[in-house]
Each structure stands twice: as structure tokens, then as C-alpha cells.
PDB file of N, CA and C in Angstrom:
ATOM      1  N   MET A   1     -21.478  17.942 -33.390  1.00  0.00           N
ATOM      2  CA  MET A   1     -20.688  16.895 -32.753  1.00  0.00           C
ATOM      3  C   MET A   1     -20.602  17.191 -31.254  1.00  0.00           C
ATOM      4  N   PRO A   2     -20.906  16.207 -30.396  1.00  0.00           N
ATOM      5  CA  PRO A   2     -20.894  16.456 -28.953  1.00  0.00           C
ATOM      6  C   PRO A   2     -19.483  16.651 -28.413  1.00  0.00           C
ATOM      7  N   SER A   3     -19.412  17.378 -27.331  1.00  0.00           N
ATOM      8  CA  SER A   3     -18.143  17.629 -26.648  1.00  0.00           C
ATOM      9  C   SER A   3     -17.629  16.338 -26.013  1.00  0.00           C
ATOM     10  N   ARG A   4     -16.314  16.137 -26.021  1.00  0.00           N
ATOM     11  CA  ARG A   4     -15.729  14.945 -25.391  1.00  0.00           C
ATOM     12  C   ARG A   4     -16.032  14.914 -23.901  1.00  0.00           C
ATOM     13  N   GLU A   5     -16.106  16.093 -23.273  1.00  0.00           N
ATOM     14  CA  GLU A   5     -16.400  16.141 -21.845  1.00  0.00           C
ATOM     15  C   GLU A   5     -17.739  15.485 -21.539  1.00  0.00           C
ATOM     16  N   ARG A   6     -18.711  15.704 -22.382  1.00  0.00           N
ATOM     17  CA  ARG A   6     -20.033  15.133 -22.154  1.00  0.00           C
ATOM     18  C   ARG A   6     -20.059  13.641 -22.449  1.00  0.00           C
ATOM     19  N   ASP A   7     -19.119  13.130 -23.243  1.00  0.00           N
ATOM     20  CA  ASP A   7     -19.066  11.716 -23.584  1.00  0.00           C
ATOM     21  C   ASP A   7     -18.410  10.873 -22.500  1.00  0.00           C
ATOM     22  N   VAL A   8     -17.710  11.494 -21.585  1.00  0.00           N
ATOM     23  CA  VAL A   8     -17.004  10.767 -20.539  1.00  0.00           C
ATOM     24  C   VAL A   8     -17.997  10.298 -19.487  1.00  0.00           C
ATOM     25  N   VAL A   9     -17.952   9.012 -19.226  1.00  0.00           N
ATOM     26  CA  VAL A   9     -18.813   8.447 -18.196  1.00  0.00           C
ATOM     27  C   VAL A   9     -17.975   8.273 -16.951  1.00  0.00           C
ATOM     28  N   GLY A  10     -18.446   8.777 -15.853  1.00  0.00           N
ATOM     29  CA  GLY A  10     -17.691   8.691 -14.603  1.00  0.00           C
ATOM     30  C   GLY A  10     -18.420   7.840 -13.590  1.00  0.00           C
ATOM     31  N   HIS A  11     -17.794   7.725 -12.454  1.00  0.00           N
ATOM     32  CA  HIS A  11     -18.378   6.994 -11.344  1.00  0.00           C
ATOM     33  C   HIS A  11     -18.241   7.846 -10.101  1.00  0.00           C
ATOM     34  N   VAL A  12     -19.318   8.010  -9.423  1.00  0.00           N
ATOM     35  CA  VAL A  12     -19.296   8.765  -8.179  1.00  0.00           C
ATOM     36  C   VAL A  12     -19.088   7.767  -7.054  1.00  0.00           C
ATOM     37  N   THR A  13     -18.009   7.947  -6.329  1.00  0.00           N
ATOM     38  CA  THR A  13     -17.682   7.030  -5.239  1.00  0.00           C
ATOM     39  C   THR A  13     -18.493   7.363  -3.994  1.00  0.00           C
ATOM     40  N   LYS A  14     -18.665   6.356  -3.166  1.00  0.00           N
ATOM     41  CA  LYS A  14     -19.350   6.549  -1.885  1.00  0.00           C
ATOM     42  C   LYS A  14     -18.377   7.063  -0.829  1.00  0.00           C
ATOM     43  N   GLY A  15     -17.133   7.312  -1.230  1.00  0.00           N
ATOM     44  CA  GLY A  15     -16.133   7.822  -0.296  1.00  0.00           C
ATOM     45  C   GLY A  15     -15.009   6.842  -0.052  1.00  0.00           C
ATOM     46  N   ASN A  16     -15.179   5.591  -0.450  1.00  0.00           N
ATOM     47  CA  ASN A  16     -14.140   4.581  -0.265  1.00  0.00           C
ATOM     48  C   ASN A  16     -14.136   3.674  -1.480  1.00  0.00           C
ATOM     49  N   VAL A  17     -13.103   3.805  -2.286  1.00  0.00           N
ATOM     50  CA  VAL A  17     -13.036   3.043  -3.522  1.00  0.00           C
ATOM     51  C   VAL A  17     -13.029   1.528  -3.265  1.00  0.00           C
ATOM     52  N   LEU A  18     -12.453   1.085  -2.142  1.00  0.00           N
ATOM     53  CA  LEU A  18     -12.439  -0.348  -1.837  1.00  0.00           C
ATOM     54  C   LEU A  18     -13.852  -0.871  -1.607  1.00  0.00           C
ATOM     55  N   ASP A  19     -14.672  -0.075  -0.942  1.00  0.00           N
ATOM     56  CA  ASP A  19     -16.070  -0.457  -0.753  1.00  0.00           C
ATOM     57  C   ASP A  19     -16.790  -0.486  -2.101  1.00  0.00           C
ATOM     58  N   ASP A  20     -16.490   0.480  -2.936  1.00  0.00           N
ATOM     59  CA  ASP A  20     -17.133   0.559  -4.249  1.00  0.00           C
ATOM     60  C   ASP A  20     -16.766  -0.630  -5.138  1.00  0.00           C
ATOM     61  N   LEU A  21     -15.578  -1.178  -4.947  1.00  0.00           N
ATOM     62  CA  LEU A  21     -15.143  -2.316  -5.749  1.00  0.00           C
ATOM     63  C   LEU A  21     -15.766  -3.633  -5.291  1.00  0.00           C
ATOM     64  N   GLY A  22     -16.470  -3.593  -4.181  1.00  0.00           N
ATOM     65  CA  GLY A  22     -17.187  -4.773  -3.742  1.00  0.00           C
ATOM     66  C   GLY A  22     -16.408  -5.737  -2.870  1.00  0.00           C
ATOM     67  N   PHE A  23     -15.302  -5.286  -2.298  1.00  0.00           N
ATOM     68  CA  PHE A  23     -14.547  -6.158  -1.395  1.00  0.00           C
ATOM     69  C   PHE A  23     -15.343  -6.369  -0.119  1.00  0.00           C
ATOM     70  N   ASP A  24     -15.188  -7.552   0.473  1.00  0.00           N
ATOM     71  CA  ASP A  24     -15.836  -7.791   1.759  1.00  0.00           C
ATOM     72  C   ASP A  24     -15.120  -6.976   2.833  1.00  0.00           C
ATOM     73  N   ASP A  25     -15.758  -6.846   3.982  1.00  0.00           N
ATOM     74  CA  ASP A  25     -15.226  -5.998   5.058  1.00  0.00           C
ATOM     75  C   ASP A  25     -13.822  -6.401   5.491  1.00  0.00           C
ATOM     76  N   GLN A  26     -13.585  -7.702   5.637  1.00  0.00           N
ATOM     77  CA  GLN A  26     -12.272  -8.173   6.105  1.00  0.00           C
ATOM     78  C   GLN A  26     -11.178  -7.823   5.103  1.00  0.00           C
ATOM     79  N   THR A  27     -11.446  -8.040   3.827  1.00  0.00           N
ATOM     80  CA  THR A  27     -10.460  -7.720   2.786  1.00  0.00           C
ATOM     81  C   THR A  27     -10.204  -6.218   2.737  1.00  0.00           C
ATOM     82  N   THR A  28     -11.255  -5.436   2.855  1.00  0.00           N
ATOM     83  CA  THR A  28     -11.115  -3.980   2.843  1.00  0.00           C
ATOM     84  C   THR A  28     -10.232  -3.503   3.993  1.00  0.00           C
ATOM     85  N   LEU A  29     -10.464  -4.037   5.188  1.00  0.00           N
ATOM     86  CA  LEU A  29      -9.656  -3.652   6.345  1.00  0.00           C
ATOM     87  C   LEU A  29      -8.191  -4.039   6.152  1.00  0.00           C
ATOM     88  N   GLU A  30      -7.955  -5.237   5.622  1.00  0.00           N
ATOM     89  CA  GLU A  30      -6.575  -5.678   5.396  1.00  0.00           C
ATOM     90  C   GLU A  30      -5.881  -4.802   4.359  1.00  0.00           C
ATOM     91  N   LEU A  31      -6.574  -4.469   3.285  1.00  0.00           N
ATOM     92  CA  LEU A  31      -5.968  -3.622   2.256  1.00  0.00           C
ATOM     93  C   LEU A  31      -5.659  -2.225   2.780  1.00  0.00           C
ATOM     94  N   LYS A  32      -6.547  -1.683   3.604  1.00  0.00           N
ATOM     95  CA  LYS A  32      -6.296  -0.365   4.201  1.00  0.00           C
ATOM     96  C   LYS A  32      -5.059  -0.407   5.099  1.00  0.00           C
ATOM     97  N   LEU A  33      -4.946  -1.465   5.896  1.00  0.00           N
ATOM     98  CA  LEU A  33      -3.793  -1.615   6.782  1.00  0.00           C
ATOM     99  C   LEU A  33      -2.511  -1.760   5.976  1.00  0.00           C
ATOM    100  N   LYS A  34      -2.535  -2.593   4.936  1.00  0.00           N
ATOM    101  CA  LYS A  34      -1.360  -2.762   4.083  1.00  0.00           C
ATOM    102  C   LYS A  34      -0.953  -1.432   3.452  1.00  0.00           C
ATOM    103  N   TYR A  35      -1.931  -0.683   2.989  1.00  0.00           N
ATOM    104  CA  TYR A  35      -1.636   0.599   2.364  1.00  0.00           C
ATOM    105  C   TYR A  35      -0.965   1.558   3.343  1.00  0.00           C
ATOM    106  N   GLN A  36      -1.468   1.615   4.559  1.00  0.00           N
ATOM    107  CA  GLN A  36      -0.883   2.513   5.552  1.00  0.00           C
ATOM    108  C   GLN A  36       0.546   2.106   5.894  1.00  0.00           C
ATOM    109  N   ILE A  37       0.790   0.809   6.040  1.00  0.00           N
ATOM    110  CA  ILE A  37       2.154   0.340   6.314  1.00  0.00           C
ATOM    111  C   ILE A  37       3.052   0.649   5.121  1.00  0.00           C
ATOM    112  N   HIS A  38       2.540   0.414   3.918  1.00  0.00           N
ATOM    113  CA  HIS A  38       3.317   0.675   2.703  1.00  0.00           C
ATOM    114  C   HIS A  38       3.697   2.150   2.605  1.00  0.00           C
ATOM    115  N   GLU A  39       2.775   3.047   2.942  1.00  0.00           N
ATOM    116  CA  GLU A  39       3.090   4.480   2.935  1.00  0.00           C
ATOM    117  C   GLU A  39       4.276   4.785   3.847  1.00  0.00           C
ATOM    118  N   GLY A  40       4.273   4.170   5.035  1.00  0.00           N
ATOM    119  CA  GLY A  40       5.379   4.374   5.974  1.00  0.00           C
ATOM    120  C   GLY A  40       6.690   3.831   5.439  1.00  0.00           C
ATOM    121  N   ILE A  41       6.628   2.658   4.824  1.00  0.00           N
ATOM    122  CA  ILE A  41       7.828   2.056   4.233  1.00  0.00           C
ATOM    123  C   ILE A  41       8.384   2.969   3.148  1.00  0.00           C
ATOM    124  N   MET A  42       7.521   3.435   2.273  1.00  0.00           N
ATOM    125  CA  MET A  42       7.978   4.280   1.168  1.00  0.00           C
ATOM    126  C   MET A  42       8.559   5.596   1.674  1.00  0.00           C
ATOM    127  N   ALA A  43       8.006   6.132   2.748  1.00  0.00           N
ATOM    128  CA  ALA A  43       8.560   7.362   3.327  1.00  0.00           C
ATOM    129  C   ALA A  43       9.972   7.118   3.847  1.00  0.00           C
ATOM    130  N   LEU A  44      10.184   5.969   4.497  1.00  0.00           N
ATOM    131  CA  LEU A  44      11.521   5.640   5.010  1.00  0.00           C
ATOM    132  C   LEU A  44      12.506   5.377   3.876  1.00  0.00           C
ATOM    133  N   VAL A  45      12.053   4.714   2.825  1.00  0.00           N
ATOM    134  CA  VAL A  45      12.915   4.450   1.664  1.00  0.00           C
ATOM    135  C   VAL A  45      13.352   5.768   1.047  1.00  0.00           C
ATOM    136  N   GLU A  46      12.402   6.672   0.861  1.00  0.00           N
ATOM    137  CA  GLU A  46      12.721   7.973   0.266  1.00  0.00           C
ATOM    138  C   GLU A  46      13.619   8.804   1.176  1.00  0.00           C
ATOM    139  N   LYS A  47      13.277   8.852   2.445  1.00  0.00           N
ATOM    140  CA  LYS A  47      14.046   9.649   3.405  1.00  0.00           C
ATOM    141  C   LYS A  47      15.503   9.209   3.458  1.00  0.00           C
ATOM    142  N   ASN A  48      15.731   7.901   3.409  1.00  0.00           N
ATOM    143  CA  ASN A  48      17.087   7.361   3.513  1.00  0.00           C
ATOM    144  C   ASN A  48      17.774   7.144   2.165  1.00  0.00           C
ATOM    145  N   GLY A  49      17.070   7.422   1.085  1.00  0.00           N
ATOM    146  CA  GLY A  49      17.656   7.324  -0.246  1.00  0.00           C
ATOM    147  C   GLY A  49      18.046   5.914  -0.662  1.00  0.00           C
ATOM    148  N   TYR A  50      17.285   4.923  -0.207  1.00  0.00           N
ATOM    149  CA  TYR A  50      17.598   3.536  -0.560  1.00  0.00           C
ATOM    150  C   TYR A  50      17.292   3.271  -2.030  1.00  0.00           C
ATOM    151  N   SER A  51      18.207   2.573  -2.679  1.00  0.00           N
ATOM    152  CA  SER A  51      17.987   2.129  -4.049  1.00  0.00           C
ATOM    153  C   SER A  51      17.333   0.746  -3.995  1.00  0.00           C
ATOM    154  N   PRO A  52      16.754   0.300  -5.109  1.00  0.00           N
ATOM    155  CA  PRO A  52      16.210  -1.063  -5.128  1.00  0.00           C
ATOM    156  C   PRO A  52      17.260  -2.109  -4.754  1.00  0.00           C
ATOM    157  N   ARG A  53      18.468  -1.911  -5.204  1.00  0.00           N
ATOM    158  CA  ARG A  53      19.556  -2.854  -4.880  1.00  0.00           C
ATOM    159  C   ARG A  53      19.836  -2.852  -3.374  1.00  0.00           C
ATOM    160  N   ASP A  54      19.822  -1.672  -2.757  1.00  0.00           N
ATOM    161  CA  ASP A  54      19.999  -1.585  -1.301  1.00  0.00           C
ATOM    162  C   ASP A  54      18.925  -2.394  -0.581  1.00  0.00           C
ATOM    163  N   LEU A  55      17.684  -2.276  -1.068  1.00  0.00           N
ATOM    164  CA  LEU A  55      16.574  -2.972  -0.430  1.00  0.00           C
ATOM    165  C   LEU A  55      16.681  -4.488  -0.603  1.00  0.00           C
ATOM    166  N   GLU A  56      17.162  -4.923  -1.759  1.00  0.00           N
ATOM    167  CA  GLU A  56      17.388  -6.366  -1.965  1.00  0.00           C
ATOM    168  C   GLU A  56      18.308  -6.913  -0.881  1.00  0.00           C
ATOM    169  N   LYS A  57      19.371  -6.199  -0.633  1.00  0.00           N
ATOM    170  CA  LYS A  57      20.347  -6.643   0.367  1.00  0.00           C
ATOM    171  C   LYS A  57      19.780  -6.531   1.785  1.00  0.00           C
ATOM    172  N   LEU A  58      19.139  -5.420   2.086  1.00  0.00           N
ATOM    173  CA  LEU A  58      18.609  -5.185   3.420  1.00  0.00           C
ATOM    174  C   LEU A  58      17.523  -6.194   3.791  1.00  0.00           C
ATOM    175  N   PHE A  59      16.644  -6.491   2.834  1.00  0.00           N
ATOM    176  CA  PHE A  59      15.544  -7.416   3.091  1.00  0.00           C
ATOM    177  C   PHE A  59      15.891  -8.865   2.777  1.00  0.00           C
ATOM    178  N   ASP A  60      17.022  -9.072   2.084  1.00  0.00           N
ATOM    179  CA  ASP A  60      17.441 -10.402   1.643  1.00  0.00           C
ATOM    180  C   ASP A  60      16.333 -11.072   0.826  1.00  0.00           C
ATOM    181  N   VAL A  61      15.842 -10.318  -0.173  1.00  0.00           N
ATOM    182  CA  VAL A  61      14.819 -10.824  -1.085  1.00  0.00           C
ATOM    183  C   VAL A  61      15.258 -10.545  -2.518  1.00  0.00           C
ATOM    184  N   PRO A  62      14.744 -11.312  -3.472  1.00  0.00           N
ATOM    185  CA  PRO A  62      15.117 -11.089  -4.870  1.00  0.00           C
ATOM    186  C   PRO A  62      14.496  -9.806  -5.440  1.00  0.00           C
ATOM    187  N   GLN A  63      15.058  -9.347  -6.523  1.00  0.00           N
ATOM    188  CA  GLN A  63      14.644  -8.100  -7.166  1.00  0.00           C
ATOM    189  C   GLN A  63      13.142  -8.048  -7.454  1.00  0.00           C
ATOM    190  N   PRO A  64      12.504  -9.121  -7.941  1.00  0.00           N
ATOM    191  CA  PRO A  64      11.062  -9.016  -8.210  1.00  0.00           C
ATOM    192  C   PRO A  64      10.232  -8.661  -6.975  1.00  0.00           C
ATOM    193  N   ARG A  65      10.624  -9.135  -5.813  1.00  0.00           N
ATOM    194  CA  ARG A  65       9.882  -8.800  -4.584  1.00  0.00           C
ATOM    195  C   ARG A  65      10.048  -7.324  -4.241  1.00  0.00           C
ATOM    196  N   VAL A  66      11.253  -6.802  -4.426  1.00  0.00           N
ATOM    197  CA  VAL A  66      11.498  -5.379  -4.173  1.00  0.00           C
ATOM    198  C   VAL A  66      10.686  -4.540  -5.157  1.00  0.00           C
ATOM    199  N   SER A  67      10.662  -4.961  -6.401  1.00  0.00           N
ATOM    200  CA  SER A  67       9.901  -4.245  -7.421  1.00  0.00           C
ATOM    201  C   SER A  67       8.414  -4.211  -7.064  1.00  0.00           C
ATOM    202  N   GLU A  68       7.867  -5.337  -6.613  1.00  0.00           N
ATOM    203  CA  GLU A  68       6.458  -5.379  -6.203  1.00  0.00           C
ATOM    204  C   GLU A  68       6.201  -4.389  -5.070  1.00  0.00           C
ATOM    205  N   LEU A  69       7.098  -4.360  -4.106  1.00  0.00           N
ATOM    206  CA  LEU A  69       6.953  -3.436  -2.987  1.00  0.00           C
ATOM    207  C   LEU A  69       6.986  -1.994  -3.460  1.00  0.00           C
ATOM    208  N   LEU A  70       7.974  -1.652  -4.259  1.00  0.00           N
ATOM    209  CA  LEU A  70       8.145  -0.275  -4.705  1.00  0.00           C
ATOM    210  C   LEU A  70       7.002   0.180  -5.606  1.00  0.00           C
ATOM    211  N   ARG A  71       6.408  -0.745  -6.335  1.00  0.00           N
ATOM    212  CA  ARG A  71       5.300  -0.410  -7.229  1.00  0.00           C
ATOM    213  C   ARG A  71       3.936  -0.491  -6.535  1.00  0.00           C
ATOM    214  N   GLY A  72       3.947  -0.853  -5.252  1.00  0.00           N
ATOM    215  CA  GLY A  72       2.701  -0.889  -4.500  1.00  0.00           C
ATOM    216  C   GLY A  72       1.826  -2.086  -4.788  1.00  0.00           C
ATOM    217  N   LYS A  73       2.409  -3.141  -5.319  1.00  0.00           N
ATOM    218  CA  LYS A  73       1.653  -4.366  -5.588  1.00  0.00           C
ATOM    219  C   LYS A  73       1.597  -5.179  -4.300  1.00  0.00           C
ATOM    220  N   LEU A  74       0.613  -4.881  -3.491  1.00  0.00           N
ATOM    221  CA  LEU A  74       0.552  -5.420  -2.137  1.00  0.00           C
ATOM    222  C   LEU A  74      -0.268  -6.701  -2.018  1.00  0.00           C
ATOM    223  N   GLY A  75      -0.879  -7.134  -3.087  1.00  0.00           N
ATOM    224  CA  GLY A  75      -1.735  -8.308  -3.039  1.00  0.00           C
ATOM    225  C   GLY A  75      -1.042  -9.576  -2.582  1.00  0.00           C
ATOM    226  N   MET A  76       0.219  -9.715  -2.925  1.00  0.00           N
ATOM    227  CA  MET A  76       0.952 -10.937  -2.585  1.00  0.00           C
ATOM    228  C   MET A  76       1.880 -10.746  -1.383  1.00  0.00           C
ATOM    229  N   ILE A  77       1.829  -9.587  -0.760  1.00  0.00           N
ATOM    230  CA  ILE A  77       2.691  -9.311   0.389  1.00  0.00           C
ATOM    231  C   ILE A  77       1.819  -9.295   1.636  1.00  0.00           C
ATOM    232  N   SER A  78       2.184 -10.084   2.615  1.00  0.00           N
ATOM    233  CA  SER A  78       1.391 -10.161   3.842  1.00  0.00           C
ATOM    234  C   SER A  78       1.654  -8.954   4.741  1.00  0.00           C
ATOM    235  N   VAL A  79       0.730  -8.707   5.652  1.00  0.00           N
ATOM    236  CA  VAL A  79       0.909  -7.660   6.661  1.00  0.00           C
ATOM    237  C   VAL A  79       2.155  -7.973   7.477  1.00  0.00           C
ATOM    238  N   LYS A  80       2.329  -9.240   7.806  1.00  0.00           N
ATOM    239  CA  LYS A  80       3.501  -9.681   8.578  1.00  0.00           C
ATOM    240  C   LYS A  80       4.793  -9.300   7.859  1.00  0.00           C
ATOM    241  N   ARG A  81       4.856  -9.554   6.566  1.00  0.00           N
ATOM    242  CA  ARG A  81       6.054  -9.241   5.776  1.00  0.00           C
ATOM    243  C   ARG A  81       6.265  -7.733   5.697  1.00  0.00           C
ATOM    244  N   LEU A  82       5.206  -6.969   5.508  1.00  0.00           N
ATOM    245  CA  LEU A  82       5.330  -5.512   5.458  1.00  0.00           C
ATOM    246  C   LEU A  82       5.866  -4.956   6.773  1.00  0.00           C
ATOM    247  N   LEU A  83       5.385  -5.499   7.871  1.00  0.00           N
ATOM    248  CA  LEU A  83       5.883  -5.059   9.183  1.00  0.00           C
ATOM    249  C   LEU A  83       7.359  -5.403   9.347  1.00  0.00           C
ATOM    250  N   TRP A  84       7.760  -6.542   8.823  1.00  0.00           N
ATOM    251  CA  TRP A  84       9.172  -6.934   8.888  1.00  0.00           C
ATOM    252  C   TRP A  84      10.025  -5.969   8.070  1.00  0.00           C
ATOM    253  N   TYR A  85       9.548  -5.597   6.865  1.00  0.00           N
ATOM    254  CA  TYR A  85      10.270  -4.619   6.047  1.00  0.00           C
ATOM    255  C   TYR A  85      10.406  -3.298   6.813  1.00  0.00           C
ATOM    256  N   MET A  86       9.321  -2.879   7.434  1.00  0.00           N
ATOM    257  CA  MET A  86       9.332  -1.634   8.208  1.00  0.00           C
ATOM    258  C   MET A  86      10.398  -1.697   9.301  1.00  0.00           C
ATOM    259  N   ASP A  87      10.443  -2.814   9.998  1.00  0.00           N
ATOM    260  CA  ASP A  87      11.424  -2.995  11.063  1.00  0.00           C
ATOM    261  C   ASP A  87      12.851  -2.944  10.514  1.00  0.00           C
ATOM    262  N   ARG A  88      13.096  -3.608   9.394  1.00  0.00           N
ATOM    263  CA  ARG A  88      14.433  -3.621   8.787  1.00  0.00           C
ATOM    264  C   ARG A  88      14.871  -2.227   8.361  1.00  0.00           C
ATOM    265  N   LEU A  89      13.901  -1.357   8.063  1.00  0.00           N
ATOM    266  CA  LEU A  89      14.208   0.017   7.682  1.00  0.00           C
ATOM    267  C   LEU A  89      14.378   0.932   8.889  1.00  0.00           C
ATOM    268  N   GLY A  90      14.191   0.370  10.080  1.00  0.00           N
ATOM    269  CA  GLY A  90      14.349   1.158  11.299  1.00  0.00           C
ATOM    270  C   GLY A  90      13.077   1.863  11.724  1.00  0.00           C
ATOM    271  N   GLY A  91      11.969   1.451  11.173  1.00  0.00           N
ATOM    272  CA  GLY A  91      10.696   2.067  11.517  1.00  0.00           C
ATOM    273  C   GLY A  91       9.873   1.162  12.414  1.00  0.00           C
ATOM    274  N   ALA A  92       8.746   1.669  12.825  1.00  0.00           N
ATOM    275  CA  ALA A  92       7.819   0.896  13.646  1.00  0.00           C
ATOM    276  C   ALA A  92       6.408   1.340  13.311  1.00  0.00           C
ATOM    277  N   ALA A  93       5.497   0.405  13.340  1.00  0.00           N
ATOM    278  CA  ALA A  93       4.084   0.721  13.107  1.00  0.00           C
ATOM    279  C   ALA A  93       3.411   0.941  14.456  1.00  0.00           C
ATOM    280  N   ASN A  94       2.451   1.831  14.464  1.00  0.00           N
ATOM    281  CA  ASN A  94       1.715   2.143  15.671  1.00  0.00           C
ATOM    282  C   ASN A  94       0.232   1.955  15.358  1.00  0.00           C
ATOM    283  N   LEU A  95      -0.384   0.977  15.999  1.00  0.00           N
ATOM    284  CA  LEU A  95      -1.782   0.689  15.759  1.00  0.00           C
ATOM    285  C   LEU A  95      -2.653   1.423  16.778  1.00  0.00           C
ATOM    286  N   LYS A  96      -3.640   2.117  16.274  1.00  0.00           N
ATOM    287  CA  LYS A  96      -4.556   2.860  17.154  1.00  0.00           C
ATOM    288  C   LYS A  96      -5.935   2.228  17.002  1.00  0.00           C
ATOM    289  N   VAL A  97      -6.528   1.842  18.106  1.00  0.00           N
ATOM    290  CA  VAL A  97      -7.844   1.227  18.089  1.00  0.00           C
ATOM    291  C   VAL A  97      -8.858   2.225  18.612  1.00  0.00           C
ATOM    292  N   LYS A  98      -9.958   2.371  17.871  1.00  0.00           N
ATOM    293  CA  LYS A  98     -11.008   3.263  18.320  1.00  0.00           C
ATOM    294  C   LYS A  98     -12.347   2.703  17.884  1.00  0.00           C
ATOM    295  N   GLN A  99     -13.366   3.040  18.596  1.00  0.00           N
ATOM    296  CA  GLN A  99     -14.710   2.601  18.247  1.00  0.00           C
ATOM    297  C   GLN A  99     -15.277   3.571  17.231  1.00  0.00           C
ATOM    298  N   VAL A 100     -15.888   3.028  16.190  1.00  0.00           N
ATOM    299  CA  VAL A 100     -16.519   3.875  15.192  1.00  0.00           C
ATOM    300  C   VAL A 100     -18.032   3.736  15.311  1.00  0.00           C
ATOM    301  N   ALA A 101     -18.710   4.759  14.909  1.00  0.00           N
ATOM    302  CA  ALA A 101     -20.175   4.774  15.036  1.00  0.00           C
ATOM    303  C   ALA A 101     -20.851   3.764  14.163  1.00  0.00           C
TER     304      ALA A 101
END
């Protein structure tokens, strides 16, 4: 009987899972930006000990929107909205532009 390890089929990434999933360049860039903003938001939420209920009040949004944010479901949240959440938490985003090869 073969080992389970040998039965597992994997995928070797090219280094960026978003590229591997076949997203176009614009979508990939937007998702990367959303992810970076979300990381900052989550750091501020954790640092300040905000509960989901606190965030509902602070952002003036219903519980399902807070849940989407906390669970990282960024597909329906715009960059504009994420930046607004960051601002309400007392944070700021810093965009760095550089030329890539």
C-alpha cells in the first residue's frame, strides 16, 4: 500500500499565488493593496483591543460588514472603504512608489 505522502498532489507556486490563480494584473495589484491595508487595520484592532461590537459603532456599519472585515473577506470591500476604516482607527496608509525591473 503506498504512503499517503506520495499520494498527495501539490502545486509549486511561481512565487505569487494571485498570479498562479490567473488574475489579471489590475486585479492582482488591487488585491495586494487591499491585503496590505487589511494587515494594518488588523494590527490596529489587535493593538487597541477592539471588539466586533466596538468596530460596529466606530465604523457605523452593521455586524455582517465587520465580520467580513475581521475574516479577511475583502472582495466586497473597496480600497476607499478600507482606507476609511484605517482612518477611523487612527491609522494612516503610506504608499511607496518604485520602479520595478
